Amino acid sequence: MNWIKIHWLELLAYLAVFVLLVWLIWDYFSGNLGVNPIEQVEIRSGKYTLNFLVATLACSPLYRVSGYAPVLCVRRILGFSTLGL
């Protein structure tokens, strides 16, 4: 069962990305994005990208201050999510 070994912080990062993506898709298909849905998708995904970028850049100083190593794995996940959104 070594392949299941995942830290709770990594799971939280994956869950945050998944929830935001599902929320955006749900709003798109339910018509909650207003008159120009493509523009709203671009604006929302841009905001999510900036938030993930700030969280990614904050991981290294947080590791240096606290010494908590799993933060570096979360940095990788958030960095990939920044490129994906």
N, C-alpha and C. Protein backbone atom coordinates (compact mmCIF):
# COMPACT_ATOMS: atom_id res chain seq x y z
N MET A 1 0.82 -1.20 0.00
CA MET A 1 0.00 0.00 0.00
C MET A 1 0.86 1.26 0.00
N ASN A 2 2.08 1.17 -0.47
CA ASN A 2 2.92 2.36 -0.52
C ASN A 2 2.46 3.37 -1.54
N TRP A 3 1.75 2.94 -2.57
CA TRP A 3 1.31 3.86 -3.59
C TRP A 3 0.19 4.77 -3.09
N ILE A 4 -0.47 4.40 -2.00
CA ILE A 4 -1.53 5.23 -1.43
C ILE A 4 -0.95 6.29 -0.50
N LYS A 5 0.29 6.16 -0.13
CA LYS A 5 0.89 7.07 0.83
C LYS A 5 0.95 8.48 0.24
N ILE A 6 0.07 9.33 0.71
CA ILE A 6 0.01 10.72 0.28
C ILE A 6 -0.24 11.58 1.51
N HIS A 7 0.39 12.69 1.56
CA HIS A 7 0.25 13.56 2.72
C HIS A 7 -1.09 14.29 2.64
N TRP A 8 -1.66 14.63 3.77
CA TRP A 8 -2.97 15.29 3.79
C TRP A 8 -2.90 16.67 3.14
N LEU A 9 -1.75 17.31 3.17
CA LEU A 9 -1.61 18.62 2.54
C LEU A 9 -1.65 18.51 1.02
N GLU A 10 -1.06 17.45 0.48
CA GLU A 10 -1.13 17.22 -0.96
C GLU A 10 -2.56 16.91 -1.39
N LEU A 11 -3.24 16.12 -0.59
CA LEU A 11 -4.63 15.79 -0.89
C LEU A 11 -5.50 17.04 -0.87
N LEU A 12 -5.24 17.94 0.06
CA LEU A 12 -5.98 19.20 0.13
C LEU A 12 -5.72 20.06 -1.10
N ALA A 13 -4.49 20.08 -1.60
CA ALA A 13 -4.16 20.85 -2.80
C ALA A 13 -4.88 20.28 -4.02
N TYR A 14 -4.85 18.95 -4.19
CA TYR A 14 -5.57 18.33 -5.29
C TYR A 14 -7.06 18.60 -5.20
N LEU A 15 -7.60 18.53 -4.01
CA LEU A 15 -9.02 18.76 -3.80
C LEU A 15 -9.40 20.20 -4.14
N ALA A 16 -8.57 21.16 -3.78
CA ALA A 16 -8.86 22.57 -4.09
C ALA A 16 -8.90 22.79 -5.60
N VAL A 17 -7.95 22.21 -6.31
CA VAL A 17 -7.92 22.36 -7.76
C VAL A 17 -9.15 21.71 -8.38
N PHE A 18 -9.49 20.52 -7.92
CA PHE A 18 -10.63 19.79 -8.47
C PHE A 18 -11.93 20.53 -8.21
N VAL A 19 -12.12 21.03 -7.01
CA VAL A 19 -13.36 21.72 -6.67
C VAL A 19 -13.52 22.99 -7.50
N LEU A 20 -12.45 23.77 -7.67
CA LEU A 20 -12.56 24.99 -8.47
C LEU A 20 -12.86 24.68 -9.93
N LEU A 21 -12.26 23.64 -10.46
CA LEU A 21 -12.51 23.27 -11.84
C LEU A 21 -13.94 22.78 -12.04
N VAL A 22 -14.42 21.94 -11.14
CA VAL A 22 -15.80 21.44 -11.23
C VAL A 22 -16.78 22.59 -11.06
N TRP A 23 -16.50 23.52 -10.17
CA TRP A 23 -17.37 24.67 -9.96
C TRP A 23 -17.45 25.53 -11.23
N LEU A 24 -16.35 25.72 -11.89
CA LEU A 24 -16.32 26.51 -13.12
C LEU A 24 -17.10 25.80 -14.23
N ILE A 25 -16.92 24.51 -14.36
CA ILE A 25 -17.65 23.75 -15.38
C ILE A 25 -19.15 23.73 -15.08
N TRP A 26 -19.48 23.58 -13.80
CA TRP A 26 -20.90 23.58 -13.40
C TRP A 26 -21.56 24.91 -13.74
N ASP A 27 -20.90 26.01 -13.42
CA ASP A 27 -21.46 27.32 -13.74
C ASP A 27 -21.59 27.53 -15.24
N TYR A 28 -20.66 26.99 -16.01
CA TYR A 28 -20.72 27.13 -17.46
C TYR A 28 -21.94 26.41 -18.03
N PHE A 29 -22.14 25.17 -17.63
CA PHE A 29 -23.24 24.40 -18.19
C PHE A 29 -24.60 24.75 -17.59
N SER A 30 -24.64 25.36 -16.43
CA SER A 30 -25.92 25.74 -15.84
C SER A 30 -26.32 27.16 -16.22
N GLY A 31 -25.45 27.88 -16.93
CA GLY A 31 -25.79 29.22 -17.40
C GLY A 31 -25.62 30.31 -16.37
N ASN A 32 -24.79 30.10 -15.37
CA ASN A 32 -24.59 31.09 -14.31
C ASN A 32 -23.46 32.07 -14.59
N LEU A 33 -22.97 32.08 -15.82
CA LEU A 33 -21.83 32.95 -16.13
C LEU A 33 -22.22 34.24 -16.84
N GLY A 34 -23.50 34.48 -17.00
CA GLY A 34 -23.94 35.74 -17.57
C GLY A 34 -24.08 35.70 -19.08
N VAL A 35 -24.03 36.89 -19.67
CA VAL A 35 -24.28 37.04 -21.09
C VAL A 35 -23.13 36.50 -21.93
N ASN A 36 -21.91 36.73 -21.51
CA ASN A 36 -20.74 36.27 -22.25
C ASN A 36 -19.98 35.24 -21.41
N PRO A 37 -20.37 33.98 -21.52
CA PRO A 37 -19.78 32.97 -20.63
C PRO A 37 -18.30 32.70 -20.90
N ILE A 38 -17.85 32.82 -22.13
CA ILE A 38 -16.45 32.57 -22.44
C ILE A 38 -15.57 33.61 -21.75
N GLU A 39 -16.01 34.84 -21.73
CA GLU A 39 -15.25 35.90 -21.06
C GLU A 39 -15.18 35.65 -19.56
N GLN A 40 -16.29 35.21 -18.98
CA GLN A 40 -16.31 34.93 -17.55
C GLN A 40 -15.42 33.73 -17.19
N VAL A 41 -15.38 32.74 -18.08
CA VAL A 41 -14.50 31.59 -17.85
C VAL A 41 -13.05 32.06 -17.86
N GLU A 42 -12.71 32.94 -18.80
CA GLU A 42 -11.34 33.47 -18.87
C GLU A 42 -11.00 34.28 -17.62
N ILE A 43 -11.93 35.11 -17.18
CA ILE A 43 -11.68 35.95 -16.00
C ILE A 43 -11.52 35.08 -14.75
N ARG A 44 -12.43 34.14 -14.56
CA ARG A 44 -12.35 33.28 -13.38
C ARG A 44 -11.10 32.41 -13.38
N SER A 45 -10.79 31.81 -14.52
CA SER A 45 -9.60 30.96 -14.55
C SER A 45 -8.34 31.81 -14.36
N GLY A 46 -8.35 33.05 -14.83
CA GLY A 46 -7.23 33.94 -14.59
C GLY A 46 -7.06 34.26 -13.11
N LYS A 47 -8.17 34.50 -12.44
CA LYS A 47 -8.10 34.76 -10.99
C LYS A 47 -7.60 33.53 -10.23
N TYR A 48 -8.10 32.36 -10.62
CA TYR A 48 -7.65 31.13 -9.97
C TYR A 48 -6.15 30.92 -10.21
N THR A 49 -5.71 31.23 -11.43
CA THR A 49 -4.29 31.06 -11.76
C THR A 49 -3.42 31.99 -10.92
N LEU A 50 -3.84 33.24 -10.78
CA LEU A 50 -3.07 34.17 -9.95
C LEU A 50 -3.04 33.73 -8.48
N ASN A 51 -4.16 33.23 -7.98
CA ASN A 51 -4.20 32.75 -6.60
C ASN A 51 -3.27 31.56 -6.40
N PHE A 52 -3.28 30.62 -7.34
CA PHE A 52 -2.39 29.47 -7.24
C PHE A 52 -0.93 29.88 -7.41
N LEU A 53 -0.67 30.87 -8.23
CA LEU A 53 0.70 31.35 -8.40
C LEU A 53 1.23 31.96 -7.10
N VAL A 54 0.42 32.76 -6.44
CA VAL A 54 0.82 33.34 -5.16
C VAL A 54 1.02 32.25 -4.11
N ALA A 55 0.14 31.26 -4.09
CA ALA A 55 0.29 30.16 -3.13
C ALA A 55 1.55 29.36 -3.43
N THR A 56 1.86 29.17 -4.72
CA THR A 56 3.07 28.45 -5.09
C THR A 56 4.31 29.19 -4.65
N LEU A 57 4.32 30.48 -4.89
CA LEU A 57 5.50 31.28 -4.52
C LEU A 57 5.64 31.44 -3.01
N ALA A 58 4.56 31.26 -2.27
CA ALA A 58 4.62 31.38 -0.82
C ALA A 58 5.11 30.10 -0.15
N CYS A 59 5.20 29.01 -0.88
CA CYS A 59 5.60 27.73 -0.26
C CYS A 59 7.06 27.72 0.18
N SER A 60 7.95 28.27 -0.63
CA SER A 60 9.37 28.24 -0.26
C SER A 60 9.68 29.04 1.00
N PRO A 61 9.20 30.28 1.11
CA PRO A 61 9.44 31.00 2.38
C PRO A 61 8.79 30.32 3.58
N LEU A 62 7.63 29.70 3.35
CA LEU A 62 6.97 28.99 4.44
C LEU A 62 7.81 27.80 4.89
N TYR A 63 8.44 27.11 3.94
CA TYR A 63 9.32 26.00 4.29
C TYR A 63 10.55 26.48 5.04
N ARG A 64 11.12 27.58 4.60
CA ARG A 64 12.33 28.10 5.26
C ARG A 64 12.04 28.55 6.68
N VAL A 65 10.86 29.10 6.90
CA VAL A 65 10.51 29.57 8.24
C VAL A 65 10.13 28.40 9.15
N SER A 66 9.31 27.49 8.63
CA SER A 66 8.79 26.42 9.48
C SER A 66 9.61 25.13 9.44
N GLY A 67 10.27 24.87 8.31
CA GLY A 67 11.01 23.63 8.17
C GLY A 67 10.11 22.42 7.90
N TYR A 68 8.87 22.65 7.53
CA TYR A 68 7.89 21.60 7.29
C TYR A 68 8.02 21.14 5.83
N ALA A 69 8.62 19.98 5.61
CA ALA A 69 9.00 19.50 4.27
C ALA A 69 7.83 19.22 3.32
N PRO A 70 6.68 18.74 3.76
CA PRO A 70 5.61 18.47 2.79
C PRO A 70 5.12 19.71 2.04
N VAL A 71 5.48 20.87 2.52
CA VAL A 71 5.09 22.10 1.80
C VAL A 71 5.74 22.13 0.42
N LEU A 72 6.90 21.53 0.28
CA LEU A 72 7.59 21.53 -1.01
C LEU A 72 6.88 20.64 -2.02
N CYS A 73 6.27 19.56 -1.58
CA CYS A 73 5.47 18.73 -2.49
C CYS A 73 4.21 19.46 -2.94
N VAL A 74 3.64 20.22 -2.03
CA VAL A 74 2.46 21.01 -2.37
C VAL A 74 2.84 22.10 -3.37
N ARG A 75 4.04 22.63 -3.27
CA ARG A 75 4.51 23.64 -4.22
C ARG A 75 4.50 23.09 -5.63
N ARG A 76 4.93 21.86 -5.79
CA ARG A 76 4.94 21.23 -7.12
C ARG A 76 3.53 21.05 -7.66
N ILE A 77 2.62 20.60 -6.81
CA ILE A 77 1.24 20.39 -7.23
C ILE A 77 0.59 21.72 -7.61
N LEU A 78 0.79 22.74 -6.79
CA LEU A 78 0.21 24.04 -7.09
C LEU A 78 0.82 24.65 -8.34
N GLY A 79 2.10 24.42 -8.57
CA GLY A 79 2.74 24.94 -9.78
C GLY A 79 2.17 24.31 -11.04
N PHE A 80 1.96 23.00 -11.03
CA PHE A 80 1.34 22.34 -12.17
C PHE A 80 -0.11 22.80 -12.35
N SER A 81 -0.80 23.04 -11.26
CA SER A 81 -2.18 23.51 -11.34
C SER A 81 -2.24 24.93 -11.91
N THR A 82 -1.23 25.72 -11.60
CA THR A 82 -1.19 27.08 -12.15
C THR A 82 -1.09 27.02 -13.67
N LEU A 83 -0.29 26.12 -14.18
CA LEU A 83 -0.16 25.99 -15.63
C LEU A 83 -1.40 25.39 -16.26
N GLY A 84 -2.10 24.55 -15.52
CA GLY A 84 -3.26 23.87 -16.06
C GLY A 84 -4.53 24.70 -16.10
N LEU A 85 -4.65 25.65 -15.20
CA LEU A 85 -5.87 26.46 -15.18
C LEU A 85 -5.70 27.57 -16.13
